[in-house]
Amino acid sequence: MASDTPTIDSDALNAYVEGYLTEDDTLAAARKRGVQLGCAPITRAGGSALRFLAAATQAKAVVEVGTGAGVSGLYLLRGMAQDGVLTSIDVDPEPQGAAKRTFMEAKIAPGRTRLIMGRALDVLPRLTEEAYDLLFVDAAKQEYPGYHEQGVRLLRPGGVIAFSSVLWSGGVANPARRDAETVALREVARVVRDDDRLVPVLLPIGDGLLVAAKTG
């Protein structure tokens, strides 16, 4: 007897999710610049999730690790409070220049962004403890476990930390994959899951978004 269970076309489903919300010309241009720079911008669905998280937490102070061309930053800014400030950290000045152009084209007030050039694991310890509503990480995957502890320190109670690309094109689910990036992504997923200070969820959006809220 034939099964009544419908066959799921994963590619079509992913396209539906990614196309649920569209991007305006400013985001499309920023995404194009990001691709040209090799930054691999967050997907539309992932960006929409960031905007949602910023709005849900009524974020006024957000830290971003990995500026890119400003795609994720613009999504965050559009979800934050009107007077909210985004602090974005990147080791490369070229993407930050592209991000400045993105924010200017989006008519974001200059005082709402603070771009810091440097290694995030050196910069984050200098930021104020429990002063931030949201931390988004999209940078070198080997460093993800180090961002976990800094995130917990920086977030206020109820604040949220989000890690991008944690599914690594399915690599994390393949036990044979033992490269440094995959191992680091498995490690951050484990430590976030096992941290009693956090309430986590792993979302299959884009290439995976690991989100966790800080408890009291």
Protein backbone atom coordinates (compact mmCIF):
# COMPACT_ATOMS: atom_id res chain seq x y z
CA MET A 1 0.00 0.00 0.00
CA ALA A 2 1.31 3.42 -0.91
CA SER A 3 2.08 5.76 1.95
CA ASP A 4 -0.13 8.83 2.41
CA THR A 5 2.84 10.75 3.82
CA PRO A 6 3.81 13.47 1.35
CA THR A 7 7.38 13.61 0.08
CA ILE A 8 9.19 16.71 1.30
CA ASP A 9 11.27 18.57 -1.26
CA SER A 10 13.92 20.10 1.03
CA ASP A 11 15.22 22.47 -1.65
CA ALA A 12 11.75 23.81 -2.39
CA LEU A 13 11.01 24.14 1.32
CA ASN A 14 14.23 26.05 1.91
CA ALA A 15 13.47 28.34 -1.02
CA TYR A 16 10.01 28.99 0.42
CA VAL A 17 11.46 29.88 3.83
CA GLU A 18 14.15 32.10 2.33
CA GLY A 19 11.62 33.84 0.10
CA TYR A 20 9.03 34.46 2.81
CA LEU A 21 10.39 37.96 3.42
CA THR A 22 12.03 39.95 0.65
CA GLU A 23 14.92 42.42 0.79
CA ASP A 24 14.90 46.03 -0.35
CA ASP A 25 17.44 47.51 -2.74
CA THR A 26 19.79 48.58 0.08
CA LEU A 27 20.07 45.07 1.49
CA ALA A 28 20.38 43.57 -1.99
CA ALA A 29 23.25 45.93 -2.81
CA ALA A 30 24.95 45.17 0.51
CA ARG A 31 24.59 41.45 -0.11
CA LYS A 32 26.20 41.83 -3.55
CA ARG A 33 29.13 43.75 -2.03
CA GLY A 34 29.51 41.08 0.62
CA VAL A 35 29.69 38.30 -1.94
CA GLN A 36 32.28 40.28 -3.92
CA LEU A 37 34.37 40.61 -0.75
CA GLY A 38 34.01 36.91 0.06
CA CYS A 39 32.09 37.63 3.27
CA ALA A 40 29.24 35.08 2.80
CA PRO A 41 26.43 37.31 4.15
CA ILE A 42 23.72 35.82 6.32
CA THR A 43 20.74 34.52 4.37
CA ARG A 44 17.47 36.44 4.11
CA ALA A 45 15.76 34.11 6.58
CA GLY A 46 18.72 34.37 8.96
CA GLY A 47 18.70 38.15 8.72
CA SER A 48 14.96 38.21 9.37
CA ALA A 49 15.55 36.08 12.46
CA LEU A 50 18.12 38.62 13.71
CA ARG A 51 15.69 41.48 13.16
CA PHE A 52 13.05 39.52 15.06
CA LEU A 53 15.42 38.84 17.98
CA ALA A 54 16.44 42.50 18.16
CA ALA A 55 12.79 43.57 18.18
CA ALA A 56 11.70 40.90 20.68
CA THR A 57 14.40 41.91 23.15
CA GLN A 58 13.75 45.62 22.50
CA ALA A 59 17.49 45.83 21.98
CA LYS A 60 19.25 49.12 22.57
CA ALA A 61 22.80 47.77 22.78
CA VAL A 62 23.95 45.04 20.38
CA VAL A 63 27.39 43.58 19.66
CA GLU A 64 28.19 41.95 16.34
CA VAL A 65 31.31 39.86 15.76
CA GLY A 66 32.04 39.89 12.04
CA THR A 67 30.91 43.09 10.32
CA GLY A 68 30.97 41.84 6.75
CA ALA A 69 29.39 44.28 4.30
CA GLY A 70 26.72 45.29 6.79
CA VAL A 71 23.93 42.87 5.83
CA SER A 72 23.46 41.35 9.28
CA GLY A 73 24.16 44.72 10.91
CA LEU A 74 21.38 46.40 8.94
CA TYR A 75 18.94 43.63 9.85
CA LEU A 76 19.85 44.10 13.51
CA LEU A 77 19.53 47.89 13.35
CA ARG A 78 16.10 47.63 11.74
CA GLY A 79 14.88 45.50 14.64
CA MET A 80 16.50 47.52 17.43
CA ALA A 81 15.04 50.46 19.30
CA GLN A 82 15.24 53.73 17.34
CA ASP A 83 18.00 54.99 19.63
CA GLY A 84 19.81 51.65 19.79
CA VAL A 85 23.55 51.39 19.08
CA LEU A 86 25.23 48.56 17.18
CA THR A 87 28.86 47.80 18.03
CA SER A 88 30.40 45.75 15.21
CA ILE A 89 33.87 44.20 15.35
CA ASP A 90 35.98 42.96 12.44
CA VAL A 91 39.68 42.36 11.83
CA ASP A 92 39.48 43.53 8.21
CA PRO A 93 39.05 47.23 7.34
CA GLU A 94 37.70 46.55 3.82
CA PRO A 95 34.42 44.94 4.91
CA GLN A 96 33.92 47.65 7.50
CA GLY A 97 34.25 50.23 4.75
CA ALA A 98 31.55 48.39 2.81
CA ALA A 99 29.37 48.27 5.93
CA LYS A 100 29.71 52.03 6.39
CA ARG A 101 28.41 52.46 2.85
CA THR A 102 25.49 50.14 3.59
CA PHE A 103 24.50 52.03 6.72
CA MET A 104 24.81 55.36 4.92
CA GLU A 105 22.62 54.16 2.04
CA ALA A 106 20.06 52.93 4.59
CA LYS A 107 20.10 56.39 6.20
CA ILE A 108 21.19 55.02 9.57
CA ALA A 109 22.24 57.90 11.85
CA PRO A 110 26.05 57.84 12.32
CA GLY A 111 25.68 57.75 16.10
CA ARG A 112 23.86 54.42 15.93
CA THR A 113 26.89 52.44 14.78
CA ARG A 114 30.28 51.90 16.34
CA LEU A 115 32.72 49.98 14.14
CA ILE A 116 35.79 48.58 15.87
CA MET A 117 38.67 47.06 13.94
CA GLY A 118 40.45 44.32 15.82
CA ARG A 119 40.34 40.71 16.93
CA ALA A 120 37.03 40.19 18.73
CA LEU A 121 38.50 37.98 21.45
CA ASP A 122 40.73 40.94 22.35
CA VAL A 123 37.98 43.56 22.07
CA LEU A 124 35.09 41.82 23.86
CA PRO A 125 36.81 41.60 27.27
CA ARG A 126 37.06 45.41 27.25
CA LEU A 127 33.29 45.86 26.86
CA THR A 128 31.05 46.46 29.89
CA GLU A 129 29.66 43.42 31.70
CA GLU A 130 25.90 42.78 31.42
CA ALA A 131 25.45 45.93 29.31
CA TYR A 132 24.17 44.34 26.10
CA ASP A 133 20.86 42.95 24.91
CA LEU A 134 22.10 40.84 22.01
CA LEU A 135 25.37 39.39 20.72
CA PHE A 136 25.56 38.03 17.19
CA VAL A 137 28.56 35.98 16.05
CA ASP A 138 29.46 35.34 12.41
CA ALA A 139 33.24 35.11 12.24
CA ALA A 140 36.09 32.58 12.38
CA LYS A 141 34.45 29.30 13.38
CA GLN A 142 37.48 28.08 15.35
CA GLU A 143 36.92 30.97 17.78
CA TYR A 144 33.23 30.29 18.42
CA PRO A 145 33.74 28.49 21.76
CA GLY A 146 35.60 31.56 23.06
CA TYR A 147 32.68 33.81 22.22
CA HIS A 148 30.34 31.74 24.36
CA GLU A 149 31.82 32.78 27.69
CA GLN A 150 32.26 36.39 26.62
CA GLY A 151 28.65 36.44 25.49
CA VAL A 152 27.36 35.27 28.83
CA ARG A 153 29.46 37.93 30.56
CA LEU A 154 28.31 40.77 28.31
CA LEU A 155 24.59 40.00 28.18
CA ARG A 156 22.04 41.36 30.61
CA PRO A 157 19.60 38.82 32.09
CA GLY A 158 17.14 38.04 29.29
CA GLY A 159 19.70 38.96 26.65
CA VAL A 160 20.33 36.71 23.66
CA ILE A 161 23.41 35.29 21.98
CA ALA A 162 23.21 33.98 18.39
CA PHE A 163 25.80 32.00 16.43
CA SER A 164 25.56 31.82 12.63
CA SER A 165 26.40 28.90 10.29
CA VAL A 166 26.47 26.31 13.07
CA LEU A 167 25.24 23.46 10.84
CA TRP A 168 28.20 24.02 8.49
CA SER A 169 26.40 22.63 5.42
CA GLY A 170 25.57 19.49 7.39
CA GLY A 171 29.17 18.89 8.40
CA VAL A 172 28.46 18.94 12.15
CA ALA A 173 26.21 15.88 11.76
CA ASN A 174 28.90 13.87 10.01
CA PRO A 175 31.13 12.09 12.58
CA ALA A 176 33.84 11.68 9.97
CA ARG A 177 34.31 15.45 9.71
CA ARG A 178 37.13 16.34 12.12
CA ASP A 179 38.49 19.59 10.66
CA ALA A 180 39.08 22.48 13.07
CA GLU A 181 35.99 24.46 12.05
CA THR A 182 33.60 21.54 12.37
CA VAL A 183 35.05 20.48 15.73
CA ALA A 184 34.72 24.04 17.05
CA LEU A 185 31.09 24.27 15.93
CA ARG A 186 30.25 20.99 17.65
CA GLU A 187 32.00 22.27 20.77
CA VAL A 188 30.10 25.58 20.93
CA ALA A 189 26.81 23.73 20.40
CA ARG A 190 27.69 21.45 23.31
CA VAL A 191 28.80 24.14 25.75
CA VAL A 192 25.78 26.34 25.00
CA ARG A 193 23.44 23.38 25.46
CA ASP A 194 25.07 22.39 28.75
CA ASP A 195 25.32 25.91 30.22
CA ASP A 196 22.72 26.26 33.00
CA ARG A 197 22.77 30.05 32.51
CA LEU A 198 21.37 29.72 29.00
CA VAL A 199 18.15 28.52 27.38
CA PRO A 200 19.18 27.39 23.87
CA VAL A 201 17.50 26.45 20.61
CA LEU A 202 19.09 25.28 17.37
CA LEU A 203 17.22 26.70 14.37
CA PRO A 204 17.61 25.16 10.88
CA ILE A 205 17.57 28.58 9.21
CA GLY A 206 20.07 29.18 6.43
CA ASP A 207 23.18 27.27 7.47
CA GLY A 208 21.94 27.02 11.05
CA LEU A 209 21.40 29.58 13.80
CA LEU A 210 22.17 28.65 17.41
CA VAL A 211 20.29 31.00 19.74
CA ALA A 212 20.33 31.13 23.52
CA ALA A 213 18.72 33.43 26.08
CA LYS A 214 20.53 34.26 29.31
CA THR A 215 18.56 33.50 32.44
CA GLY A 216 18.82 35.56 35.67
